[in-house]
Amino acid sequence: MSLTSIFAYEINPFQGAVIETDLFPDDISVFSHTLSRTLKEVEEKGLQLVWLFLPLLQAELVAPAVNLGFFYHHADENGLQLVKRITAGAFVPGYATHYIGVGGVLIDEQDRIL
């Protein structure tokens, strides 16, 4: 990866950039520089947020990302999801922590379940 490149990303329906890289460079300075260039492009496009998933095996990249303004969203056994607001006050949805179900029963006048 050259020092003039950016990380590939997709724009989601909520005007957020989702960085799509399965494996980031191991060199922290290359990672930081490339991420900075990516953030600059995203900001120039007027997007709201940037989403960055760091694989567990590349946890050393968390500190450089946080230094660029990312914060924790959630973690799972595979890695850590970070997000950065490009636009102040941009909405960051919460992470699902549980499921809620709904049920219903119809009973007629004779107390029979329909």
C-alpha atoms as a PDB file:
ATOM      1  CA  MET A   1       0.000   0.000   0.000  1.00  0.00           C
ATOM      2  CA  SER A   2       1.518   3.303  -1.032  1.00  0.00           C
ATOM      3  CA  LEU A   3       1.549   6.386   1.164  1.00  0.00           C
ATOM      4  CA  THR A   4      -0.774   8.161  -1.281  1.00  0.00           C
ATOM      5  CA  SER A   5      -3.553   5.569  -1.204  1.00  0.00           C
ATOM      6  CA  ILE A   6      -6.688   5.424   0.907  1.00  0.00           C
ATOM      7  CA  PHE A   7      -8.641   2.536   2.372  1.00  0.00           C
ATOM      8  CA  ALA A   8     -11.535   1.307   0.250  1.00  0.00           C
ATOM      9  CA  TYR A   9     -14.949   2.083   1.708  1.00  0.00           C
ATOM     10  CA  GLU A  10     -18.632   1.794   0.932  1.00  0.00           C
ATOM     11  CA  ILE A  11     -21.166   4.508   1.689  1.00  0.00           C
ATOM     12  CA  ASN A  12     -24.088   3.187   3.716  1.00  0.00           C
ATOM     13  CA  PRO A  13     -27.677   4.540   3.457  1.00  0.00           C
ATOM     14  CA  PHE A  14     -27.050   6.829   6.455  1.00  0.00           C
ATOM     15  CA  GLN A  15     -24.174   8.729   4.824  1.00  0.00           C
ATOM     16  CA  GLY A  16     -21.528   6.799   6.697  1.00  0.00           C
ATOM     17  CA  ALA A  17     -18.327   5.433   5.200  1.00  0.00           C
ATOM     18  CA  VAL A  18     -17.720   1.779   6.072  1.00  0.00           C
ATOM     19  CA  ILE A  19     -14.049   0.961   5.581  1.00  0.00           C
ATOM     20  CA  GLU A  20     -13.815  -2.398   3.850  1.00  0.00           C
ATOM     21  CA  THR A  21     -10.455  -3.917   4.544  1.00  0.00           C
ATOM     22  CA  ASP A  22     -10.035  -7.414   5.905  1.00  0.00           C
ATOM     23  CA  LEU A  23      -6.399  -6.913   6.778  1.00  0.00           C
ATOM     24  CA  PHE A  24      -4.730  -3.586   7.437  1.00  0.00           C
ATOM     25  CA  PRO A  25      -1.014  -2.909   7.012  1.00  0.00           C
ATOM     26  CA  ASP A  26       1.037  -4.052  10.009  1.00  0.00           C
ATOM     27  CA  ASP A  27       3.159  -0.907   9.871  1.00  0.00           C
ATOM     28  CA  ILE A  28       1.443   1.501  12.274  1.00  0.00           C
ATOM     29  CA  SER A  29       2.752   4.618  10.517  1.00  0.00           C
ATOM     30  CA  VAL A  30       1.438   3.397   7.141  1.00  0.00           C
ATOM     31  CA  PHE A  31      -1.910   2.535   8.757  1.00  0.00           C
ATOM     32  CA  SER A  32      -2.164   5.968  10.430  1.00  0.00           C
ATOM     33  CA  HIS A  33      -1.210   7.864   7.286  1.00  0.00           C
ATOM     34  CA  THR A  34      -3.618   5.889   5.087  1.00  0.00           C
ATOM     35  CA  LEU A  35      -6.439   6.273   7.611  1.00  0.00           C
ATOM     36  CA  SER A  36      -5.791  10.038   7.820  1.00  0.00           C
ATOM     37  CA  ARG A  37      -6.002  10.351   4.029  1.00  0.00           C
ATOM     38  CA  THR A  38      -9.202   8.300   4.022  1.00  0.00           C
ATOM     39  CA  LEU A  39     -10.747  10.547   6.694  1.00  0.00           C
ATOM     40  CA  LYS A  40      -9.848  13.636   4.683  1.00  0.00           C
ATOM     41  CA  GLU A  41     -11.581  12.265   1.582  1.00  0.00           C
ATOM     42  CA  VAL A  42     -14.657  11.216   3.551  1.00  0.00           C
ATOM     43  CA  GLU A  43     -14.894  14.673   5.114  1.00  0.00           C
ATOM     44  CA  GLU A  44     -14.551  16.347   1.698  1.00  0.00           C
ATOM     45  CA  LYS A  45     -17.477  14.234   0.455  1.00  0.00           C
ATOM     46  CA  GLY A  46     -19.631  15.529   3.315  1.00  0.00           C
ATOM     47  CA  LEU A  47     -20.251  12.138   4.914  1.00  0.00           C
ATOM     48  CA  GLN A  48     -21.405  11.873   8.533  1.00  0.00           C
ATOM     49  CA  LEU A  49     -19.514   8.931  10.075  1.00  0.00           C
ATOM     50  CA  VAL A  50     -16.673   6.516   9.438  1.00  0.00           C
ATOM     51  CA  TRP A  51     -16.927   2.894  10.604  1.00  0.00           C
ATOM     52  CA  LEU A  52     -13.742   0.889  11.157  1.00  0.00           C
ATOM     53  CA  PHE A  53     -13.612  -2.771  12.178  1.00  0.00           C
ATOM     54  CA  LEU A  54     -10.226  -3.873  13.503  1.00  0.00           C
ATOM     55  CA  PRO A  55      -9.580  -7.620  13.613  1.00  0.00           C
ATOM     56  CA  LEU A  56      -8.519  -9.037  16.969  1.00  0.00           C
ATOM     57  CA  LEU A  57      -5.124  -9.985  15.537  1.00  0.00           C
ATOM     58  CA  GLN A  58      -4.456  -6.327  14.712  1.00  0.00           C
ATOM     59  CA  ALA A  59      -5.372  -4.835  18.083  1.00  0.00           C
ATOM     60  CA  GLU A  60      -2.183  -2.738  17.990  1.00  0.00           C
ATOM     61  CA  LEU A  61      -4.014  -0.462  15.523  1.00  0.00           C
ATOM     62  CA  VAL A  62      -6.608   0.627  18.106  1.00  0.00           C
ATOM     63  CA  ALA A  63      -4.428   3.366  19.638  1.00  0.00           C
ATOM     64  CA  PRO A  64      -3.604   5.067  16.314  1.00  0.00           C
ATOM     65  CA  ALA A  65      -7.293   4.981  15.328  1.00  0.00           C
ATOM     66  CA  VAL A  66      -8.350   6.466  18.685  1.00  0.00           C
ATOM     67  CA  ASN A  67      -5.702   9.170  18.246  1.00  0.00           C
ATOM     68  CA  LEU A  68      -7.463  10.093  14.985  1.00  0.00           C
ATOM     69  CA  GLY A  69     -10.802  10.515  16.771  1.00  0.00           C
ATOM     70  CA  PHE A  70     -12.361   7.056  16.622  1.00  0.00           C
ATOM     71  CA  PHE A  71     -14.194   5.677  19.641  1.00  0.00           C
ATOM     72  CA  TYR A  72     -15.437   2.236  20.651  1.00  0.00           C
ATOM     73  CA  HIS A  73     -18.826   1.101  19.389  1.00  0.00           C
ATOM     74  CA  HIS A  74     -18.796  -2.614  20.206  1.00  0.00           C
ATOM     75  CA  ALA A  75     -16.605  -5.686  20.298  1.00  0.00           C
ATOM     76  CA  ASP A  76     -17.097  -9.358  19.578  1.00  0.00           C
ATOM     77  CA  GLU A  77     -14.847 -12.419  19.471  1.00  0.00           C
ATOM     78  CA  ASN A  78     -13.472 -11.350  16.073  1.00  0.00           C
ATOM     79  CA  GLY A  79     -12.469  -7.774  16.788  1.00  0.00           C
ATOM     80  CA  LEU A  80     -13.470  -4.240  17.651  1.00  0.00           C
ATOM     81  CA  GLN A  81     -15.877  -1.914  15.843  1.00  0.00           C
ATOM     82  CA  LEU A  82     -14.836   1.731  16.025  1.00  0.00           C
ATOM     83  CA  VAL A  83     -16.658   4.785  14.723  1.00  0.00           C
ATOM     84  CA  LYS A  84     -15.730   8.424  14.149  1.00  0.00           C
ATOM     85  CA  ARG A  85     -18.131  11.317  13.787  1.00  0.00           C
ATOM     86  CA  ILE A  86     -17.137  13.483  10.854  1.00  0.00           C
ATOM     87  CA  THR A  87     -20.102  15.786  11.391  1.00  0.00           C
ATOM     88  CA  ALA A  88     -20.560  16.983  14.973  1.00  0.00           C
ATOM     89  CA  GLY A  89     -23.691  15.478  16.489  1.00  0.00           C
ATOM     90  CA  ALA A  90     -24.046  12.818  13.779  1.00  0.00           C
ATOM     91  CA  PHE A  91     -26.270   9.988  14.997  1.00  0.00           C
ATOM     92  CA  VAL A  92     -24.462   6.793  15.966  1.00  0.00           C
ATOM     93  CA  PRO A  93     -26.931   3.916  16.384  1.00  0.00           C
ATOM     94  CA  GLY A  94     -26.599   1.728  19.449  1.00  0.00           C
ATOM     95  CA  TYR A  95     -25.491  -1.873  19.255  1.00  0.00           C
ATOM     96  CA  ALA A  96     -28.086  -4.609  19.792  1.00  0.00           C
ATOM     97  CA  THR A  97     -27.563  -6.182  23.205  1.00  0.00           C
ATOM     98  CA  HIS A  98     -30.700  -8.301  23.488  1.00  0.00           C
ATOM     99  CA  TYR A  99     -33.786  -9.461  21.624  1.00  0.00           C
ATOM    100  CA  ILE A 100     -37.393  -8.652  22.407  1.00  0.00           C
ATOM    101  CA  GLY A 101     -40.279 -10.766  21.169  1.00  0.00           C
ATOM    102  CA  VAL A 102     -43.984 -10.164  20.870  1.00  0.00           C
ATOM    103  CA  GLY A 103     -46.771 -12.725  21.030  1.00  0.00           C
ATOM    104  CA  GLY A 104     -50.529 -12.732  20.929  1.00  0.00           C
ATOM    105  CA  VAL A 105     -53.481 -15.059  21.451  1.00  0.00           C
ATOM    106  CA  LEU A 106     -57.044 -14.719  20.211  1.00  0.00           C
ATOM    107  CA  ILE A 107     -59.785 -15.994  22.523  1.00  0.00           C
ATOM    108  CA  ASP A 108     -63.444 -16.090  21.556  1.00  0.00           C
ATOM    109  CA  GLU A 109     -66.478 -15.454  23.798  1.00  0.00           C
ATOM    110  CA  GLN A 110     -66.420 -19.083  24.976  1.00  0.00           C
ATOM    111  CA  ASP A 111     -62.784 -18.824  26.135  1.00  0.00           C
ATOM    112  CA  ARG A 112     -61.518 -20.912  23.222  1.00  0.00           C
ATOM    113  CA  ILE A 113     -58.141 -20.191  21.734  1.00  0.00           C
ATOM    114  CA  LEU A 114     -58.603 -19.427  18.054  1.00  0.00           C
END
